[in-house]
Amino acid sequence: MYLRYVSVFGILLSVPGAVAEAGVISDAPSFASVLTKTLTFVLSTVGIIAILALVISGLMYMLAAGDSGRIAEAKKYALASIIGASIALAALIIVRQIIRLL
C-alpha cells in the first residue's frame, strides 16, 4: 500500500492509496462517439440561439410602435431566426440518422 502525505492547515496527514491506476486504453470512447456528441451539442446550442433570436425579434416587433422601418427589420430578423432554427434542426436530425446507421 502506498501512502502520500498531505499538509492541511499545517497538519501532515497520510492518505492511503494515493497512486492512481490508469484505465485500459480500450475503455476510452471512440472518435466517432466523441464527434457525434460534439456535433449534437453544437447543433443544439445553435438551435437554442435561433429560438432566442426569434423571441428577441418578436419583442422588436412589439416595441416598434408602428414604425414601418423597425417593423420590417423585426420581420427580417424573425425570418432569419426561423431559417436558422430549421437548418439546425435538419442538421441535428441528419446527424442522428447517420449515427443510427453506423
N, C-alpha and C. Protein backbone atom coordinates (compact mmCIF):
# COMPACT_ATOMS: atom_id res chain seq x y z
N MET A 1 0.84 -1.17 0.00
CA MET A 1 0.00 0.00 0.00
C MET A 1 0.89 1.24 0.00
N TYR A 2 0.49 2.23 -0.80
CA TYR A 2 1.25 3.46 -0.91
C TYR A 2 0.62 4.55 -0.06
N LEU A 3 1.45 5.35 0.55
CA LEU A 3 0.96 6.46 1.36
C LEU A 3 1.47 7.76 0.76
N ARG A 4 0.63 8.74 0.78
CA ARG A 4 1.01 10.07 0.32
C ARG A 4 0.72 11.01 1.48
N TYR A 5 1.59 11.96 1.69
CA TYR A 5 1.44 12.89 2.80
C TYR A 5 0.94 14.22 2.27
N VAL A 6 -0.10 14.73 2.91
CA VAL A 6 -0.72 15.98 2.50
C VAL A 6 -0.74 16.91 3.70
N SER A 7 -0.39 18.17 3.47
CA SER A 7 -0.41 19.15 4.54
C SER A 7 -1.70 19.95 4.47
N VAL A 8 -2.50 19.86 5.55
CA VAL A 8 -3.76 20.58 5.62
C VAL A 8 -3.70 21.48 6.84
N PHE A 9 -3.67 22.77 6.61
CA PHE A 9 -3.59 23.77 7.68
C PHE A 9 -2.40 23.50 8.61
N GLY A 10 -1.29 23.08 8.03
CA GLY A 10 -0.08 22.84 8.81
C GLY A 10 -0.03 21.48 9.46
N ILE A 11 -1.07 20.66 9.29
CA ILE A 11 -1.10 19.32 9.87
C ILE A 11 -0.79 18.34 8.76
N LEU A 12 0.18 17.47 8.99
CA LEU A 12 0.59 16.49 7.99
C LEU A 12 -0.28 15.25 8.11
N LEU A 13 -1.03 14.94 7.04
CA LEU A 13 -1.92 13.79 7.03
C LEU A 13 -1.42 12.77 6.03
N SER A 14 -1.60 11.49 6.34
CA SER A 14 -1.22 10.45 5.38
C SER A 14 -2.50 9.96 4.69
N VAL A 15 -2.43 9.84 3.37
CA VAL A 15 -3.57 9.42 2.57
C VAL A 15 -3.23 8.07 1.94
N PRO A 16 -3.93 6.98 2.29
CA PRO A 16 -3.62 5.68 1.71
C PRO A 16 -4.10 5.60 0.27
N GLY A 17 -3.42 4.79 -0.52
CA GLY A 17 -3.82 4.55 -1.92
C GLY A 17 -3.71 5.77 -2.78
N ALA A 18 -2.64 6.52 -2.68
CA ALA A 18 -2.51 7.77 -3.40
C ALA A 18 -2.08 7.58 -4.84
N VAL A 19 -1.64 6.37 -5.20
CA VAL A 19 -1.21 6.13 -6.57
C VAL A 19 -2.44 5.82 -7.40
N ALA A 20 -2.66 6.60 -8.44
CA ALA A 20 -3.82 6.39 -9.30
C ALA A 20 -3.51 5.31 -10.33
N GLU A 21 -4.50 4.52 -10.62
CA GLU A 21 -4.32 3.48 -11.62
C GLU A 21 -4.88 3.98 -12.94
N ALA A 22 -4.13 3.74 -14.00
CA ALA A 22 -4.57 4.15 -15.34
C ALA A 22 -5.54 3.12 -15.88
N GLY A 23 -6.54 3.59 -16.58
CA GLY A 23 -7.50 2.68 -17.19
C GLY A 23 -6.94 2.08 -18.46
N VAL A 24 -7.55 1.04 -18.91
CA VAL A 24 -7.15 0.40 -20.15
C VAL A 24 -7.56 1.29 -21.30
N ILE A 25 -6.72 1.37 -22.33
CA ILE A 25 -6.99 2.27 -23.44
C ILE A 25 -8.27 1.89 -24.19
N SER A 26 -8.68 0.64 -24.09
CA SER A 26 -9.92 0.24 -24.77
C SER A 26 -11.15 0.81 -24.08
N ASP A 27 -10.99 1.32 -22.85
CA ASP A 27 -12.12 1.94 -22.16
C ASP A 27 -12.43 3.34 -22.69
N ALA A 28 -11.53 3.91 -23.46
CA ALA A 28 -11.72 5.26 -23.99
C ALA A 28 -12.84 5.26 -25.03
N PRO A 29 -13.62 6.34 -25.09
CA PRO A 29 -14.68 6.40 -26.11
C PRO A 29 -14.07 6.52 -27.51
N SER A 30 -14.79 6.02 -28.48
CA SER A 30 -14.29 6.06 -29.85
C SER A 30 -14.35 7.48 -30.39
N PHE A 31 -13.58 7.71 -31.45
CA PHE A 31 -13.55 9.03 -32.07
C PHE A 31 -14.92 9.39 -32.61
N ALA A 32 -15.61 8.42 -33.19
CA ALA A 32 -16.95 8.68 -33.73
C ALA A 32 -17.92 9.09 -32.63
N SER A 33 -17.80 8.46 -31.46
CA SER A 33 -18.67 8.80 -30.34
C SER A 33 -18.42 10.23 -29.87
N VAL A 34 -17.16 10.60 -29.76
CA VAL A 34 -16.82 11.97 -29.33
C VAL A 34 -17.30 12.97 -30.37
N LEU A 35 -17.11 12.67 -31.64
CA LEU A 35 -17.53 13.57 -32.71
C LEU A 35 -19.04 13.74 -32.74
N THR A 36 -19.78 12.67 -32.57
CA THR A 36 -21.24 12.79 -32.60
C THR A 36 -21.76 13.57 -31.39
N LYS A 37 -21.17 13.36 -30.22
CA LYS A 37 -21.60 14.12 -29.05
C LYS A 37 -21.29 15.60 -29.21
N THR A 38 -20.13 15.90 -29.81
CA THR A 38 -19.76 17.29 -30.05
C THR A 38 -20.71 17.94 -31.05
N LEU A 39 -21.01 17.25 -32.15
CA LEU A 39 -21.93 17.79 -33.15
C LEU A 39 -23.33 17.99 -32.57
N THR A 40 -23.78 17.05 -31.77
CA THR A 40 -25.10 17.18 -31.15
C THR A 40 -25.14 18.39 -30.23
N PHE A 41 -24.08 18.60 -29.46
CA PHE A 41 -24.02 19.75 -28.56
C PHE A 41 -24.03 21.06 -29.35
N VAL A 42 -23.20 21.14 -30.40
CA VAL A 42 -23.10 22.38 -31.19
C VAL A 42 -24.43 22.68 -31.87
N LEU A 43 -25.04 21.68 -32.48
CA LEU A 43 -26.30 21.92 -33.19
C LEU A 43 -27.43 22.26 -32.22
N SER A 44 -27.43 21.67 -31.04
CA SER A 44 -28.45 22.02 -30.04
C SER A 44 -28.26 23.46 -29.58
N THR A 45 -27.01 23.87 -29.38
CA THR A 45 -26.73 25.24 -28.97
C THR A 45 -27.17 26.23 -30.04
N VAL A 46 -26.89 25.92 -31.29
CA VAL A 46 -27.31 26.80 -32.38
C VAL A 46 -28.82 26.90 -32.44
N GLY A 47 -29.52 25.80 -32.21
CA GLY A 47 -30.99 25.83 -32.19
C GLY A 47 -31.53 26.70 -31.07
N ILE A 48 -30.93 26.61 -29.90
CA ILE A 48 -31.36 27.43 -28.77
C ILE A 48 -31.13 28.91 -29.07
N ILE A 49 -29.99 29.23 -29.66
CA ILE A 49 -29.69 30.62 -30.01
C ILE A 49 -30.69 31.13 -31.04
N ALA A 50 -31.06 30.28 -32.01
CA ALA A 50 -32.03 30.70 -33.03
C ALA A 50 -33.40 30.96 -32.41
N ILE A 51 -33.80 30.16 -31.45
CA ILE A 51 -35.09 30.38 -30.78
C ILE A 51 -35.05 31.67 -29.96
N LEU A 52 -33.94 31.93 -29.27
CA LEU A 52 -33.80 33.19 -28.54
C LEU A 52 -33.84 34.39 -29.49
N ALA A 53 -33.24 34.24 -30.67
CA ALA A 53 -33.29 35.33 -31.66
C ALA A 53 -34.71 35.56 -32.14
N LEU A 54 -35.50 34.49 -32.24
CA LEU A 54 -36.90 34.64 -32.63
C LEU A 54 -37.68 35.40 -31.56
N VAL A 55 -37.41 35.11 -30.31
CA VAL A 55 -38.07 35.83 -29.22
C VAL A 55 -37.68 37.30 -29.24
N ILE A 56 -36.41 37.58 -29.46
CA ILE A 56 -35.94 38.97 -29.50
C ILE A 56 -36.56 39.71 -30.67
N SER A 57 -36.68 39.04 -31.82
CA SER A 57 -37.31 39.71 -32.97
C SER A 57 -38.79 39.97 -32.71
N GLY A 58 -39.45 39.08 -31.96
CA GLY A 58 -40.84 39.34 -31.58
C GLY A 58 -40.96 40.55 -30.66
N LEU A 59 -40.02 40.68 -29.73
CA LEU A 59 -40.00 41.87 -28.88
C LEU A 59 -39.73 43.13 -29.69
N MET A 60 -38.84 43.03 -30.67
CA MET A 60 -38.57 44.18 -31.53
C MET A 60 -39.83 44.59 -32.30
N TYR A 61 -40.59 43.58 -32.75
CA TYR A 61 -41.82 43.86 -33.48
C TYR A 61 -42.85 44.55 -32.59
N MET A 62 -42.97 44.06 -31.36
CA MET A 62 -43.95 44.66 -30.45
C MET A 62 -43.55 46.07 -30.03
N LEU A 63 -42.26 46.31 -29.92
CA LEU A 63 -41.79 47.62 -29.48
C LEU A 63 -41.58 48.60 -30.62
N ALA A 64 -41.93 48.20 -31.84
CA ALA A 64 -41.73 49.07 -33.00
C ALA A 64 -42.67 50.27 -32.97
N ALA A 65 -43.80 50.16 -32.32
CA ALA A 65 -44.77 51.25 -32.15
C ALA A 65 -45.23 51.85 -33.48
N GLY A 66 -45.45 50.97 -34.47
CA GLY A 66 -45.99 51.43 -35.74
C GLY A 66 -44.97 51.96 -36.72
N ASP A 67 -43.69 52.02 -36.36
CA ASP A 67 -42.65 52.49 -37.27
C ASP A 67 -42.38 51.40 -38.30
N SER A 68 -42.68 51.71 -39.57
CA SER A 68 -42.59 50.68 -40.61
C SER A 68 -41.17 50.19 -40.83
N GLY A 69 -40.17 51.02 -40.65
CA GLY A 69 -38.79 50.60 -40.81
C GLY A 69 -38.37 49.60 -39.74
N ARG A 70 -38.77 49.87 -38.51
CA ARG A 70 -38.44 48.96 -37.41
C ARG A 70 -39.23 47.66 -37.51
N ILE A 71 -40.46 47.73 -38.02
CA ILE A 71 -41.27 46.53 -38.22
C ILE A 71 -40.64 45.65 -39.30
N ALA A 72 -40.19 46.25 -40.37
CA ALA A 72 -39.54 45.49 -41.44
C ALA A 72 -38.25 44.83 -40.95
N GLU A 73 -37.50 45.54 -40.13
CA GLU A 73 -36.27 44.98 -39.57
C GLU A 73 -36.58 43.81 -38.64
N ALA A 74 -37.62 43.93 -37.83
CA ALA A 74 -38.01 42.84 -36.93
C ALA A 74 -38.47 41.61 -37.72
N LYS A 75 -39.21 41.84 -38.82
CA LYS A 75 -39.64 40.73 -39.66
C LYS A 75 -38.45 40.04 -40.33
N LYS A 76 -37.46 40.83 -40.74
CA LYS A 76 -36.25 40.28 -41.35
C LYS A 76 -35.50 39.40 -40.35
N TYR A 77 -35.38 39.86 -39.11
CA TYR A 77 -34.72 39.08 -38.07
C TYR A 77 -35.50 37.81 -37.74
N ALA A 78 -36.84 37.91 -37.73
CA ALA A 78 -37.67 36.74 -37.44
C ALA A 78 -37.50 35.69 -38.53
N LEU A 79 -37.49 36.11 -39.78
CA LEU A 79 -37.30 35.17 -40.89
C LEU A 79 -35.93 34.51 -40.81
N ALA A 80 -34.91 35.29 -40.51
CA ALA A 80 -33.55 34.73 -40.40
C ALA A 80 -33.45 33.74 -39.24
N SER A 81 -34.10 34.03 -38.13
CA SER A 81 -34.03 33.11 -37.00
C SER A 81 -34.83 31.83 -37.26
N ILE A 82 -35.94 31.92 -37.98
CA ILE A 82 -36.69 30.72 -38.34
C ILE A 82 -35.88 29.86 -39.29
N ILE A 83 -35.23 30.48 -40.26
CA ILE A 83 -34.38 29.72 -41.18
C ILE A 83 -33.23 29.07 -40.43
N GLY A 84 -32.61 29.80 -39.51
CA GLY A 84 -31.51 29.24 -38.72
C GLY A 84 -31.95 28.07 -37.86
N ALA A 85 -33.12 28.20 -37.21
CA ALA A 85 -33.62 27.11 -36.37
C ALA A 85 -33.96 25.88 -37.21
N SER A 86 -34.53 26.08 -38.38
CA SER A 86 -34.87 24.94 -39.23
C SER A 86 -33.63 24.26 -39.78
N ILE A 87 -32.60 25.03 -40.12
CA ILE A 87 -31.34 24.43 -40.59
C ILE A 87 -30.68 23.64 -39.47
N ALA A 88 -30.66 24.19 -38.25
CA ALA A 88 -30.06 23.48 -37.11
C ALA A 88 -30.83 22.21 -36.80
N LEU A 89 -32.15 22.27 -36.85
CA LEU A 89 -32.97 21.08 -36.58
C LEU A 89 -32.75 20.02 -37.66
N ALA A 90 -32.72 20.44 -38.92
CA ALA A 90 -32.49 19.49 -40.01
C ALA A 90 -31.11 18.85 -39.89
N ALA A 91 -30.09 19.64 -39.56
CA ALA A 91 -28.75 19.09 -39.41
C ALA A 91 -28.68 18.12 -38.24
N LEU A 92 -29.36 18.44 -37.15
CA LEU A 92 -29.38 17.55 -35.99
C LEU A 92 -30.06 16.23 -36.34
N ILE A 93 -31.15 16.28 -37.07
CA ILE A 93 -31.84 15.06 -37.49
C ILE A 93 -30.97 14.23 -38.41
N ILE A 94 -30.30 14.88 -39.35
CA ILE A 94 -29.42 14.16 -40.28
C ILE A 94 -28.27 13.49 -39.54
N VAL A 95 -27.66 14.21 -38.60
CA VAL A 95 -26.55 13.64 -37.84
C VAL A 95 -27.02 12.44 -37.03
N ARG A 96 -28.17 12.54 -36.38
CA ARG A 96 -28.67 11.41 -35.59
C ARG A 96 -29.03 10.22 -36.45
N GLN A 97 -29.55 10.45 -37.66
CA GLN A 97 -29.86 9.34 -38.56
C GLN A 97 -28.59 8.64 -39.04
N ILE A 98 -27.57 9.42 -39.33
CA ILE A 98 -26.30 8.83 -39.76
C ILE A 98 -25.68 8.04 -38.62
N ILE A 99 -25.79 8.55 -37.41
CA ILE A 99 -25.25 7.81 -36.24
C ILE A 99 -25.99 6.49 -36.08
N ARG A 100 -27.29 6.51 -36.27
CA ARG A 100 -28.06 5.28 -36.11
C ARG A 100 -27.69 4.25 -37.17
N LEU A 101 -27.32 4.70 -38.37
CA LEU A 101 -26.93 3.78 -39.43
C LEU A 101 -25.56 3.16 -39.16
N LEU A 102 -24.71 3.88 -38.45
CA LEU A 102 -23.38 3.35 -38.15
C LEU A 102 -23.51 2.40 -37.01
